[in-house]
Every structure is written in C-alpha cells, then in structure tokens.
N, C-alpha and C. Protein backbone atom coordinates (compact mmCIF):
# COMPACT_ATOMS: atom_id res chain seq x y z
N MET A 1 59.21 34.58 72.09
CA MET A 1 57.99 33.78 72.09
C MET A 1 56.95 34.47 71.22
N MET A 2 56.22 33.68 70.47
CA MET A 2 55.25 34.25 69.55
C MET A 2 54.10 33.30 69.38
N LEU A 3 53.03 33.80 68.74
CA LEU A 3 51.92 32.93 68.41
C LEU A 3 52.10 32.55 66.95
N SER A 4 52.56 31.32 66.70
CA SER A 4 52.93 30.88 65.37
C SER A 4 51.75 30.19 64.71
N MET A 5 51.37 30.64 63.52
CA MET A 5 50.12 30.20 62.96
C MET A 5 50.21 29.52 61.60
N ASP A 6 51.42 29.44 60.96
CA ASP A 6 51.51 28.84 59.64
C ASP A 6 50.46 29.40 58.69
N LYS A 7 50.67 30.65 58.23
CA LYS A 7 49.81 31.31 57.26
C LYS A 7 48.45 31.72 57.81
N LYS A 8 48.31 31.84 59.17
CA LYS A 8 47.02 32.16 59.74
C LYS A 8 47.13 33.28 60.79
N MET A 9 47.97 34.29 60.57
CA MET A 9 48.12 35.35 61.56
C MET A 9 46.80 36.06 61.80
N ASN A 10 45.94 36.22 60.77
CA ASN A 10 44.65 36.86 60.97
C ASN A 10 43.76 36.00 61.85
N THR A 11 43.88 34.67 61.75
CA THR A 11 43.11 33.78 62.61
C THR A 11 43.55 33.91 64.06
N SER A 12 44.84 34.10 64.31
CA SER A 12 45.32 34.24 65.68
C SER A 12 44.73 35.50 66.31
N GLU A 13 44.66 36.58 65.58
CA GLU A 13 44.05 37.79 66.10
C GLU A 13 42.58 37.55 66.38
N HIS A 14 41.93 36.78 65.53
CA HIS A 14 40.53 36.44 65.75
C HIS A 14 40.37 35.63 67.03
N ALA A 15 41.29 34.69 67.27
CA ALA A 15 41.22 33.87 68.48
C ALA A 15 41.37 34.73 69.73
N ILE A 16 42.28 35.70 69.70
CA ILE A 16 42.48 36.56 70.86
C ILE A 16 41.26 37.45 71.08
N THR A 17 40.67 37.94 69.98
CA THR A 17 39.45 38.74 70.09
C THR A 17 38.32 37.92 70.70
N GLU A 18 38.17 36.67 70.24
CA GLU A 18 37.14 35.79 70.77
C GLU A 18 37.41 35.45 72.23
N TYR A 19 38.68 35.31 72.59
CA TYR A 19 39.04 35.05 73.98
C TYR A 19 38.64 36.22 74.87
N ALA A 20 38.99 37.43 74.43
CA ALA A 20 38.66 38.61 75.22
C ALA A 20 37.15 38.78 75.38
N ALA A 21 36.40 38.34 74.36
CA ALA A 21 34.95 38.45 74.40
C ALA A 21 34.29 37.28 75.13
N GLY A 22 35.09 36.27 75.49
CA GLY A 22 34.55 35.11 76.20
C GLY A 22 33.81 34.14 75.31
N ASN A 23 34.18 34.10 74.03
CA ASN A 23 33.44 33.27 73.07
C ASN A 23 34.12 31.95 72.73
N LEU A 24 35.30 31.66 73.27
CA LEU A 24 35.99 30.42 72.95
C LEU A 24 35.45 29.26 73.78
N SER A 25 35.63 28.05 73.28
CA SER A 25 35.29 26.86 74.06
C SER A 25 36.18 26.81 75.29
N PRO A 26 35.77 26.06 76.34
CA PRO A 26 36.62 25.98 77.55
C PRO A 26 38.05 25.53 77.24
N ALA A 27 38.22 24.57 76.31
CA ALA A 27 39.55 24.07 75.99
C ALA A 27 40.40 25.15 75.32
N LYS A 28 39.83 25.83 74.32
CA LYS A 28 40.57 26.89 73.63
C LYS A 28 40.83 28.06 74.56
N HIS A 29 39.86 28.39 75.39
CA HIS A 29 40.02 29.49 76.35
C HIS A 29 41.20 29.21 77.28
N ALA A 30 41.31 27.97 77.74
CA ALA A 30 42.40 27.60 78.65
C ALA A 30 43.75 27.74 77.96
N VAL A 31 43.84 27.35 76.68
CA VAL A 31 45.09 27.45 75.94
C VAL A 31 45.54 28.90 75.83
N VAL A 32 44.63 29.80 75.41
CA VAL A 32 45.00 31.21 75.26
C VAL A 32 45.33 31.82 76.62
N ALA A 33 44.57 31.46 77.66
CA ALA A 33 44.86 31.98 79.00
C ALA A 33 46.26 31.57 79.44
N CYS A 34 46.62 30.30 79.20
CA CYS A 34 47.96 29.82 79.57
C CYS A 34 49.04 30.53 78.77
N GLN A 35 48.82 30.71 77.48
CA GLN A 35 49.83 31.37 76.67
C GLN A 35 50.02 32.83 77.10
N SER A 36 48.93 33.50 77.44
CA SER A 36 49.04 34.90 77.85
C SER A 36 49.84 35.05 79.14
N GLU A 37 49.92 33.99 79.95
CA GLU A 37 50.69 34.04 81.19
C GLU A 37 52.19 33.89 80.96
N ILE A 38 52.57 33.20 79.88
CA ILE A 38 54.00 32.93 79.67
C ILE A 38 54.57 33.65 78.45
N CYS A 39 53.72 34.40 77.74
CA CYS A 39 54.18 35.13 76.55
C CYS A 39 53.74 36.58 76.67
N GLU A 40 54.68 37.48 76.88
CA GLU A 40 54.37 38.89 77.10
C GLU A 40 53.65 39.52 75.91
N GLU A 41 54.05 39.14 74.70
CA GLU A 41 53.42 39.70 73.50
C GLU A 41 51.93 39.38 73.47
N VAL A 42 51.60 38.11 73.74
CA VAL A 42 50.20 37.71 73.72
C VAL A 42 49.44 38.36 74.87
N SER A 43 50.06 38.48 76.04
CA SER A 43 49.43 39.13 77.17
C SER A 43 49.05 40.57 76.83
N SER A 44 49.93 41.28 76.12
CA SER A 44 49.66 42.66 75.72
C SER A 44 48.51 42.72 74.73
N ARG A 45 48.47 41.78 73.80
CA ARG A 45 47.41 41.76 72.80
C ARG A 45 46.07 41.43 73.44
N VAL A 46 46.07 40.52 74.41
CA VAL A 46 44.84 40.19 75.13
C VAL A 46 44.35 41.41 75.90
N ALA A 47 45.26 42.11 76.60
CA ALA A 47 44.88 43.29 77.37
C ALA A 47 44.27 44.35 76.47
N PHE A 48 44.85 44.54 75.28
CA PHE A 48 44.34 45.53 74.34
C PHE A 48 42.92 45.17 73.90
N GLN A 49 42.70 43.89 73.56
CA GLN A 49 41.38 43.46 73.14
C GLN A 49 40.37 43.58 74.28
N GLU A 50 40.80 43.30 75.50
CA GLU A 50 39.90 43.42 76.65
C GLU A 50 39.52 44.87 76.90
N GLN A 51 40.45 45.80 76.66
CA GLN A 51 40.15 47.21 76.81
C GLN A 51 39.10 47.64 75.78
N ILE A 52 39.23 47.13 74.56
CA ILE A 52 38.24 47.44 73.54
C ILE A 52 36.87 46.91 73.94
N ALA A 53 36.86 45.64 74.42
CA ALA A 53 35.59 45.04 74.84
C ALA A 53 34.97 45.82 75.99
N ALA A 54 35.80 46.28 76.94
CA ALA A 54 35.29 47.02 78.10
C ALA A 54 34.69 48.35 77.66
N SER A 55 35.35 49.03 76.71
CA SER A 55 34.83 50.32 76.25
C SER A 55 33.51 50.15 75.52
N MET A 56 33.35 49.02 74.82
CA MET A 56 32.09 48.77 74.13
C MET A 56 30.98 48.47 75.14
N ILE A 57 31.32 47.74 76.21
CA ILE A 57 30.32 47.42 77.23
C ILE A 57 29.83 48.70 77.92
N GLU A 58 30.74 49.66 78.12
CA GLU A 58 30.37 50.91 78.79
C GLU A 58 29.32 51.67 78.01
N GLN A 59 29.27 51.44 76.69
CA GLN A 59 28.33 52.16 75.85
C GLN A 59 26.98 51.45 75.74
N VAL A 60 26.88 50.27 76.35
CA VAL A 60 25.64 49.50 76.28
C VAL A 60 24.86 49.68 77.57
N GLN A 61 23.53 49.81 77.44
CA GLN A 61 22.70 49.94 78.62
C GLN A 61 22.78 48.65 79.44
N THR A 62 23.10 48.78 80.70
CA THR A 62 23.32 47.61 81.55
C THR A 62 22.08 47.28 82.37
N LYS A 63 22.05 46.04 82.84
CA LYS A 63 20.97 45.57 83.70
C LYS A 63 21.60 44.95 84.94
N ALA A 64 21.08 45.27 86.10
CA ALA A 64 21.65 44.76 87.34
C ALA A 64 21.56 43.24 87.41
N LEU A 65 22.66 42.60 87.89
CA LEU A 65 22.68 41.16 88.06
C LEU A 65 21.97 40.77 89.35
N SER A 66 21.49 39.56 89.37
CA SER A 66 20.89 39.03 90.58
C SER A 66 21.94 38.96 91.68
N PRO A 67 21.55 39.22 92.94
CA PRO A 67 22.53 39.10 94.05
C PRO A 67 23.11 37.70 94.17
N LEU A 68 22.43 36.70 93.60
CA LEU A 68 22.90 35.32 93.68
C LEU A 68 23.83 34.95 92.54
N PHE A 69 24.01 35.85 91.56
CA PHE A 69 24.74 35.49 90.34
C PHE A 69 26.15 34.99 90.64
N MET A 70 26.97 35.77 91.34
CA MET A 70 28.37 35.40 91.57
C MET A 70 28.47 34.14 92.42
N GLY A 71 27.57 34.00 93.40
CA GLY A 71 27.58 32.80 94.21
C GLY A 71 27.30 31.56 93.40
N ASN A 72 26.37 31.67 92.45
CA ASN A 72 26.06 30.53 91.59
C ASN A 72 27.24 30.18 90.69
N VAL A 73 27.94 31.20 90.19
CA VAL A 73 29.10 30.96 89.34
C VAL A 73 30.18 30.23 90.13
N LEU A 74 30.51 30.73 91.32
CA LEU A 74 31.56 30.12 92.13
C LEU A 74 31.20 28.70 92.56
N ALA A 75 29.90 28.47 92.81
CA ALA A 75 29.46 27.15 93.25
C ALA A 75 29.64 26.10 92.18
N ASN A 76 29.68 26.53 90.91
CA ASN A 76 29.80 25.59 89.81
C ASN A 76 31.23 25.40 89.32
N LEU A 77 32.18 26.13 89.91
CA LEU A 77 33.58 25.94 89.55
C LEU A 77 34.10 24.68 90.22
N PRO A 78 34.94 23.88 89.50
CA PRO A 78 35.50 22.67 90.11
C PRO A 78 36.46 23.01 91.22
N LEU A 79 36.40 22.23 92.31
CA LEU A 79 37.31 22.43 93.42
C LEU A 79 38.61 21.70 93.16
N GLN A 80 39.73 22.35 93.39
CA GLN A 80 41.03 21.75 93.17
C GLN A 80 41.89 21.99 94.39
N ASP A 81 42.88 21.12 94.57
CA ASP A 81 43.86 21.34 95.62
C ASP A 81 44.69 22.57 95.27
N ALA A 82 45.28 23.17 96.25
CA ALA A 82 46.12 24.34 96.00
C ALA A 82 47.29 23.94 95.12
N PRO A 83 47.60 24.74 94.08
CA PRO A 83 48.69 24.39 93.19
C PRO A 83 50.03 24.45 93.89
N SER A 84 50.91 23.53 93.49
CA SER A 84 52.26 23.52 94.05
C SER A 84 53.10 24.57 93.37
N SER A 85 54.17 25.01 94.02
CA SER A 85 55.05 26.02 93.45
C SER A 85 56.30 25.36 92.90
N ASP A 86 56.65 25.67 91.65
CA ASP A 86 57.87 25.16 91.05
C ASP A 86 59.01 26.11 91.37
N THR A 87 60.22 25.58 91.48
CA THR A 87 61.35 26.43 91.82
C THR A 87 62.00 27.05 90.60
N ASN A 88 61.87 26.43 89.44
CA ASN A 88 62.49 26.94 88.22
C ASN A 88 61.43 27.61 87.37
N SER A 89 61.51 28.95 87.23
CA SER A 89 60.47 29.69 86.52
C SER A 89 60.34 29.25 85.07
N LYS A 90 61.43 28.78 84.47
CA LYS A 90 61.37 28.32 83.09
C LYS A 90 60.46 27.11 82.95
N ASN A 91 60.34 26.31 84.00
CA ASN A 91 59.54 25.10 83.94
C ASN A 91 58.19 25.26 84.62
N ASN A 92 57.87 26.48 85.08
CA ASN A 92 56.60 26.70 85.75
C ASN A 92 55.43 26.40 84.83
N ALA A 93 54.39 25.79 85.39
CA ALA A 93 53.12 25.69 84.68
C ALA A 93 52.37 27.00 84.88
N PRO A 94 51.65 27.48 83.85
CA PRO A 94 50.83 28.68 84.04
C PRO A 94 49.82 28.46 85.17
N GLU A 95 49.47 29.53 85.87
CA GLU A 95 48.54 29.41 87.00
C GLU A 95 47.20 28.86 86.55
N THR A 96 46.75 29.22 85.34
CA THR A 96 45.49 28.68 84.82
C THR A 96 45.54 27.17 84.75
N LEU A 97 46.65 26.63 84.27
CA LEU A 97 46.81 25.19 84.15
C LEU A 97 46.91 24.54 85.53
N LYS A 98 47.64 25.18 86.44
CA LYS A 98 47.74 24.65 87.81
C LYS A 98 46.36 24.54 88.45
N HIS A 99 45.51 25.53 88.18
CA HIS A 99 44.15 25.49 88.73
C HIS A 99 43.38 24.32 88.17
N LEU A 100 43.51 24.07 86.87
CA LEU A 100 42.79 22.96 86.24
C LEU A 100 43.30 21.61 86.72
N LEU A 101 44.62 21.53 86.93
CA LEU A 101 45.24 20.27 87.32
C LEU A 101 45.20 20.03 88.83
N GLY A 102 45.24 21.12 89.58
CA GLY A 102 45.38 20.99 91.02
C GLY A 102 46.80 20.76 91.46
N CYS A 103 47.77 20.93 90.54
CA CYS A 103 49.18 20.71 90.87
C CYS A 103 50.05 21.30 89.78
N GLY A 104 51.36 21.26 89.98
CA GLY A 104 52.30 21.70 88.95
C GLY A 104 52.69 20.55 88.04
N LEU A 105 53.49 20.84 87.04
CA LEU A 105 53.89 19.82 86.07
C LEU A 105 54.68 18.69 86.73
N ASP A 106 55.39 19.01 87.80
CA ASP A 106 56.24 17.99 88.45
C ASP A 106 55.42 16.96 89.23
N LYS A 107 54.13 17.21 89.45
CA LYS A 107 53.29 16.30 90.23
C LYS A 107 52.34 15.47 89.36
N ILE A 108 52.41 15.63 88.06
CA ILE A 108 51.46 14.96 87.17
C ILE A 108 51.73 13.46 87.10
N LYS A 109 50.66 12.68 87.08
CA LYS A 109 50.75 11.25 86.87
C LYS A 109 50.50 10.98 85.38
N TRP A 110 51.58 10.76 84.64
CA TRP A 110 51.49 10.60 83.20
C TRP A 110 51.01 9.20 82.82
N LYS A 111 50.27 9.11 81.72
CA LYS A 111 49.85 7.83 81.17
C LYS A 111 50.66 7.57 79.90
N SER A 112 51.46 6.51 79.91
CA SER A 112 52.30 6.19 78.76
C SER A 112 51.46 5.66 77.61
N LEU A 113 51.68 6.20 76.41
CA LEU A 113 50.97 5.75 75.22
C LEU A 113 51.82 4.78 74.42
N ILE A 114 52.98 5.25 74.02
CA ILE A 114 53.99 4.44 73.33
C ILE A 114 55.33 4.83 73.94
N PRO A 115 56.39 4.06 73.74
CA PRO A 115 57.69 4.45 74.31
C PRO A 115 58.08 5.87 73.93
N GLY A 116 58.30 6.70 74.93
CA GLY A 116 58.72 8.07 74.69
C GLY A 116 57.60 9.08 74.66
N VAL A 117 56.34 8.65 74.69
CA VAL A 117 55.20 9.57 74.61
C VAL A 117 54.21 9.24 75.72
N ALA A 118 53.80 10.27 76.47
CA ALA A 118 52.83 10.10 77.55
C ALA A 118 51.85 11.27 77.54
N VAL A 119 50.67 11.06 78.13
CA VAL A 119 49.64 12.10 78.15
C VAL A 119 49.03 12.22 79.54
N HIS A 120 48.34 13.34 79.75
CA HIS A 120 47.54 13.53 80.96
C HIS A 120 46.33 14.35 80.55
N ASP A 121 45.13 13.80 80.74
CA ASP A 121 43.90 14.50 80.33
C ASP A 121 43.63 15.68 81.24
N VAL A 122 43.16 16.78 80.63
CA VAL A 122 42.83 18.00 81.38
C VAL A 122 41.33 18.29 81.29
N LEU A 123 40.80 18.43 80.07
CA LEU A 123 39.38 18.67 79.85
C LEU A 123 38.89 17.77 78.73
N GLY A 124 37.73 17.16 78.91
CA GLY A 124 37.17 16.34 77.85
C GLY A 124 37.81 14.95 77.81
N ASP A 125 37.40 14.17 76.82
CA ASP A 125 37.83 12.78 76.67
C ASP A 125 38.50 12.61 75.32
N ARG A 126 39.77 12.21 75.33
CA ARG A 126 40.51 12.03 74.08
C ARG A 126 39.90 10.97 73.18
N HIS A 127 39.10 10.06 73.74
CA HIS A 127 38.52 8.98 72.95
C HIS A 127 37.24 9.40 72.22
N ASN A 128 36.67 10.56 72.57
CA ASN A 128 35.49 11.06 71.87
C ASN A 128 35.87 11.47 70.45
N LYS A 129 34.97 11.25 69.51
CA LYS A 129 35.26 11.55 68.11
C LYS A 129 34.92 12.99 67.74
N THR A 130 34.18 13.71 68.61
CA THR A 130 33.82 15.10 68.32
C THR A 130 34.01 15.94 69.58
N GLY A 131 34.06 17.25 69.38
CA GLY A 131 34.17 18.18 70.50
C GLY A 131 35.62 18.49 70.87
N ASP A 132 35.82 19.68 71.42
CA ASP A 132 37.16 20.08 71.85
C ASP A 132 37.56 19.31 73.10
N ARG A 133 38.79 18.83 73.09
CA ARG A 133 39.34 18.21 74.28
C ARG A 133 40.74 18.77 74.53
N LEU A 134 41.17 18.74 75.80
CA LEU A 134 42.43 19.36 76.18
C LEU A 134 43.24 18.36 76.99
N TYR A 135 44.50 18.18 76.62
CA TYR A 135 45.37 17.27 77.36
C TYR A 135 46.82 17.73 77.27
N LEU A 136 47.60 17.26 78.22
CA LEU A 136 49.04 17.49 78.19
C LEU A 136 49.71 16.32 77.48
N LEU A 137 50.72 16.62 76.68
CA LEU A 137 51.48 15.60 75.97
C LEU A 137 52.96 15.80 76.27
N LYS A 138 53.64 14.71 76.64
CA LYS A 138 55.08 14.76 76.89
C LYS A 138 55.78 13.82 75.93
N ALA A 139 56.76 14.33 75.18
CA ALA A 139 57.51 13.53 74.22
C ALA A 139 59.00 13.62 74.52
N LYS A 140 59.68 12.50 74.42
CA LYS A 140 61.10 12.43 74.75
C LYS A 140 61.94 13.21 73.74
N GLY A 141 62.94 13.91 74.25
CA GLY A 141 63.82 14.66 73.38
C GLY A 141 64.49 13.78 72.34
N GLY A 142 64.52 14.25 71.09
CA GLY A 142 65.17 13.53 70.00
C GLY A 142 64.24 12.65 69.18
N MET A 143 63.01 12.41 69.64
CA MET A 143 62.15 11.48 68.91
C MET A 143 61.37 12.19 67.80
N GLN A 144 60.95 11.43 66.83
CA GLN A 144 60.13 11.93 65.71
C GLN A 144 58.70 11.46 65.93
N MET A 145 57.77 12.40 65.97
CA MET A 145 56.36 12.04 66.15
C MET A 145 55.81 11.46 64.85
N PRO A 146 54.81 10.57 64.93
CA PRO A 146 54.24 9.98 63.72
C PRO A 146 53.65 11.04 62.79
N ASN A 147 53.76 10.80 61.50
CA ASN A 147 53.19 11.70 60.50
C ASN A 147 51.67 11.64 60.60
N HIS A 148 51.02 12.81 60.73
CA HIS A 148 49.58 12.80 60.95
C HIS A 148 48.92 14.09 60.46
N GLY A 149 47.62 13.99 60.23
CA GLY A 149 46.77 15.15 59.96
C GLY A 149 45.76 15.27 61.08
N HIS A 150 44.71 16.07 60.85
CA HIS A 150 43.77 16.37 61.94
C HIS A 150 42.33 16.36 61.47
N ASN A 151 41.45 16.01 62.39
CA ASN A 151 40.02 16.24 62.23
C ASN A 151 39.71 17.55 62.96
N GLY A 152 39.49 18.62 62.21
CA GLY A 152 39.33 19.93 62.84
C GLY A 152 40.68 20.54 63.16
N GLU A 153 40.71 21.44 64.13
CA GLU A 153 41.93 22.15 64.49
C GLU A 153 42.71 21.43 65.58
N GLU A 154 44.00 21.70 65.60
CA GLU A 154 44.88 21.27 66.69
C GLU A 154 45.66 22.49 67.16
N TRP A 155 45.52 22.83 68.43
CA TRP A 155 46.28 23.93 69.04
C TRP A 155 47.29 23.33 70.00
N THR A 156 48.56 23.62 69.79
CA THR A 156 49.63 23.07 70.63
C THR A 156 50.42 24.21 71.25
N LEU A 157 50.32 24.37 72.57
CA LEU A 157 51.08 25.37 73.30
C LEU A 157 52.27 24.69 73.96
N ILE A 158 53.48 25.12 73.62
CA ILE A 158 54.68 24.50 74.18
C ILE A 158 54.97 25.10 75.56
N LEU A 159 55.01 24.23 76.56
CA LEU A 159 55.28 24.64 77.93
C LEU A 159 56.73 24.40 78.33
N LYS A 160 57.36 23.41 77.71
CA LYS A 160 58.74 23.05 78.05
C LYS A 160 59.36 22.37 76.83
N GLY A 161 60.64 22.62 76.59
CA GLY A 161 61.31 21.99 75.45
C GLY A 161 60.96 22.69 74.14
N SER A 162 61.19 21.99 73.03
CA SER A 162 60.94 22.57 71.71
C SER A 162 60.86 21.46 70.67
N TYR A 163 60.31 21.82 69.50
CA TYR A 163 60.29 20.88 68.38
C TYR A 163 60.31 21.65 67.07
N ASN A 164 60.64 20.93 66.00
CA ASN A 164 60.65 21.50 64.65
C ASN A 164 59.63 20.80 63.78
N VAL A 165 59.00 21.58 62.90
CA VAL A 165 58.15 21.04 61.84
C VAL A 165 58.67 21.64 60.55
N GLY A 166 59.38 20.82 59.74
CA GLY A 166 60.03 21.37 58.56
C GLY A 166 61.07 22.40 58.97
N ASP A 167 60.96 23.62 58.41
CA ASP A 167 61.93 24.67 58.74
C ASP A 167 61.41 25.60 59.83
N LYS A 168 60.31 25.24 60.47
CA LYS A 168 59.74 26.07 61.53
C LYS A 168 60.05 25.47 62.90
N SER A 169 60.43 26.34 63.86
CA SER A 169 60.78 25.90 65.20
C SER A 169 59.78 26.47 66.21
N PHE A 170 59.40 25.65 67.18
CA PHE A 170 58.44 26.05 68.21
C PHE A 170 59.04 25.74 69.58
N ALA A 171 59.02 26.75 70.47
CA ALA A 171 59.60 26.61 71.81
C ALA A 171 58.62 27.15 72.84
N ARG A 172 59.04 27.15 74.12
CA ARG A 172 58.16 27.55 75.21
C ARG A 172 57.47 28.89 74.91
N GLY A 173 56.15 28.91 75.05
CA GLY A 173 55.36 30.11 74.82
C GLY A 173 54.77 30.21 73.43
N ASP A 174 55.26 29.39 72.49
CA ASP A 174 54.71 29.41 71.14
C ASP A 174 53.43 28.59 71.06
N LEU A 175 52.48 29.09 70.28
CA LEU A 175 51.23 28.37 70.03
C LEU A 175 51.19 27.98 68.57
N HIS A 176 51.24 26.68 68.32
CA HIS A 176 51.28 26.13 66.97
C HIS A 176 49.89 25.63 66.62
N ILE A 177 49.26 26.24 65.63
CA ILE A 177 47.89 25.88 65.24
C ILE A 177 47.89 25.30 63.83
N GLU A 178 47.28 24.14 63.70
CA GLU A 178 47.11 23.48 62.40
C GLU A 178 45.63 23.15 62.22
N ASP A 179 45.21 22.96 60.95
CA ASP A 179 43.83 22.55 60.70
C ASP A 179 43.81 21.26 59.90
N GLU A 180 42.62 20.88 59.41
CA GLU A 180 42.47 19.59 58.75
C GLU A 180 43.19 19.51 57.42
N ASP A 181 43.68 20.62 56.90
CA ASP A 181 44.38 20.62 55.61
C ASP A 181 45.87 20.30 55.75
N GLU A 182 46.39 20.28 56.97
CA GLU A 182 47.82 20.13 57.19
C GLU A 182 48.19 18.71 57.63
N ILE A 183 49.34 18.22 57.15
CA ILE A 183 49.92 16.96 57.59
C ILE A 183 51.35 17.26 58.04
N HIS A 184 51.73 16.79 59.21
CA HIS A 184 53.07 17.09 59.70
C HIS A 184 53.58 15.98 60.62
N SER A 185 54.89 16.06 60.91
CA SER A 185 55.54 15.07 61.76
C SER A 185 56.58 15.80 62.62
N PRO A 186 56.15 16.38 63.75
CA PRO A 186 57.08 17.16 64.58
C PRO A 186 58.29 16.34 65.04
N HIS A 187 59.46 16.98 65.01
CA HIS A 187 60.68 16.37 65.51
C HIS A 187 61.06 17.07 66.81
N ILE A 188 61.06 16.31 67.92
CA ILE A 188 61.39 16.88 69.23
C ILE A 188 62.90 17.12 69.29
N ASN A 189 63.29 18.31 69.69
CA ASN A 189 64.71 18.64 69.75
C ASN A 189 65.40 17.90 70.90
N GLU A 190 66.67 17.60 70.69
CA GLU A 190 67.48 16.92 71.70
C GLU A 190 67.63 17.79 72.94
N GLY A 191 67.95 17.18 74.04
CA GLY A 191 68.31 17.92 75.25
C GLY A 191 67.34 17.79 76.39
N GLU A 192 66.03 17.85 76.12
CA GLU A 192 65.05 17.71 77.19
C GLU A 192 63.72 17.28 76.60
N ASP A 193 62.89 16.70 77.44
CA ASP A 193 61.55 16.32 77.00
C ASP A 193 60.76 17.57 76.64
N CYS A 194 59.82 17.40 75.73
CA CYS A 194 58.94 18.49 75.32
C CYS A 194 57.56 18.23 75.94
N ILE A 195 57.05 19.22 76.67
CA ILE A 195 55.72 19.12 77.27
C ILE A 195 54.84 20.19 76.63
N CYS A 196 53.68 19.76 76.13
CA CYS A 196 52.77 20.66 75.42
C CYS A 196 51.36 20.54 75.97
N LEU A 197 50.63 21.64 75.92
CA LEU A 197 49.20 21.64 76.20
C LEU A 197 48.50 21.62 74.85
N VAL A 198 47.71 20.56 74.61
CA VAL A 198 47.16 20.31 73.28
C VAL A 198 45.64 20.34 73.30
N MET A 199 45.05 21.10 72.36
CA MET A 199 43.62 21.09 72.14
C MET A 199 43.36 20.45 70.77
N THR A 200 42.56 19.40 70.74
CA THR A 200 42.17 18.79 69.47
C THR A 200 40.65 18.70 69.39
N GLN A 201 40.14 18.59 68.17
CA GLN A 201 38.70 18.54 67.94
C GLN A 201 38.24 17.19 67.40
N GLY A 202 39.11 16.21 67.45
CA GLY A 202 38.78 14.88 66.97
C GLY A 202 40.05 14.06 66.88
N PRO A 203 39.94 12.76 66.60
CA PRO A 203 41.14 11.92 66.50
C PRO A 203 42.09 12.40 65.41
N LEU A 204 43.38 12.18 65.62
CA LEU A 204 44.38 12.50 64.60
C LEU A 204 44.21 11.55 63.41
N LYS A 205 44.61 12.02 62.24
CA LYS A 205 44.58 11.19 61.02
C LYS A 205 45.98 10.62 60.80
N MET A 206 46.24 9.45 61.35
CA MET A 206 47.55 8.83 61.22
C MET A 206 47.79 8.41 59.77
N GLN A 207 49.02 8.64 59.31
CA GLN A 207 49.32 8.42 57.90
C GLN A 207 49.97 7.07 57.61
N SER A 208 50.35 6.31 58.64
CA SER A 208 50.96 5.00 58.41
C SER A 208 50.20 3.93 59.19
N LEU A 209 50.43 2.67 58.84
CA LEU A 209 49.60 1.57 59.31
C LEU A 209 49.69 1.34 60.82
N VAL A 210 50.91 1.23 61.36
CA VAL A 210 51.06 0.88 62.78
C VAL A 210 50.40 1.93 63.69
N PRO A 211 50.66 3.24 63.48
CA PRO A 211 49.95 4.22 64.33
C PRO A 211 48.43 4.13 64.19
N ARG A 212 47.92 3.82 62.99
CA ARG A 212 46.47 3.70 62.83
C ARG A 212 45.95 2.52 63.63
N LEU A 213 46.69 1.42 63.67
CA LEU A 213 46.25 0.26 64.44
C LEU A 213 46.26 0.53 65.95
N LEU A 214 47.23 1.33 66.40
CA LEU A 214 47.35 1.62 67.83
C LEU A 214 46.40 2.73 68.28
N GLN A 215 45.91 3.52 67.35
CA GLN A 215 45.14 4.71 67.70
C GLN A 215 43.92 4.45 68.57
N PRO A 216 43.11 3.42 68.32
CA PRO A 216 41.96 3.19 69.19
C PRO A 216 42.36 2.92 70.65
N LEU A 217 43.57 2.41 70.87
CA LEU A 217 44.01 2.11 72.23
C LEU A 217 44.56 3.34 72.94
N ILE A 218 45.30 4.19 72.20
CA ILE A 218 45.95 5.32 72.85
C ILE A 218 45.08 6.57 72.87
N GLY A 219 44.07 6.65 72.00
CA GLY A 219 43.08 7.70 72.10
C GLY A 219 43.52 9.08 71.68
N ILE A 220 44.41 9.20 70.68
CA ILE A 220 44.74 10.52 70.13
C ILE A 220 44.66 10.48 68.61
C-alpha cells in the first residue's frame, strides 16, 4: 500500500505535514486519517511529522488553556451511534470513518446514481459547486467509469477492491490524487465491488454528452 500521487510525491509529503499540523480541511483531514489507519507506511510518516511538530511546540512559550476549553470542543463534536465491528479485517472501515458514519461499511444505505454506481455522503454536499466535500463511492467490479476531469483536486482513498487508470493500479490503502489538469477514466477490476472514500472540490468535468446531462441529477 502506498500514497500514489501521479508526479506529485512532494505534494503528498506536504499533505502529511499539513495533516500533522492540523491545517487540512475537515474532508482532507478525514481522508489522511483513514489512510494512516490502513497503511503502515503512511502511519509511520504521520507519526514522524507529528514528532517534529511536537518538538517545535515544546520550544514555543505556552499559554494555559481555559478550564472550559476541552468541554467546549467535545460539546461541538457530532454524536454518532457506536460503530459496528466487521468480522473481515480486509473489509474493515477505518475507525475515523466509522465515527463519521456511525456504522461500518456493511450498514451503509447507498444511494444509486447510475447502474453499478452508488454513493453515500459523509461531509458536505455533493451538489455544491465550491468547497471540499467527502463521500463514499461504490462501483461494480468490471465497469468503466466515465471519462472526466476535475474542478480543483480529487482525493480517492481505496477502502475495498481496486481499479486501474492507464498503466497505474490502485488498491486498498492507496490514495490517488488528481488535479484540474488531469482527465481519466478508471476501470474497476473484476472480482469485487470497489469502495472508495472520495474528496472533491467541485463537480466533475464530464467529457461526454450523456454523463454531462445526468450530472445535475446525480451530483458528482
């Protein structure tokens, strides 16, 4: 498992640094947190960056927090049902995602978009034209996704299954990041459905007529 960046390995290190510093948007933060739970390499890199951040904080003059600070933080966290436990570790949802969903992947109520593709919103609204949003996407094994580009970045963390883009393969634990300069058409590998945690910053740029006509209805 690796963090796959398509010519952007320096950007991935930047993302992990920003994560450790707490500077990512909630959607991006959730993606990196989930990947660090299922990818040992990323977990080690996050821990290293957090150690650096901690050592820098120790050198800064500190100020005591209000006694009410932690209570206020906890009071503003969303309440969720206790996450369910999956029996197959390969199919486990990361604990961060379980907390956001209030359940495991096996309990999700999927919304069908087109035959073979379904989504479940996690953070934000897929129909908004701006801002980071986070959702789960499930695609049937063997299908070809529509050719598309992006408004802003798209971060795709594979939780189950796998897909190919050209000669590149992405499987569980891989984080596939594209920007507005890229156009691609992922091919889902045969054998099992592919479930991904997806962060987008705007509607996809569909390259053919039918997907463009359907886009206002399906909201991706």
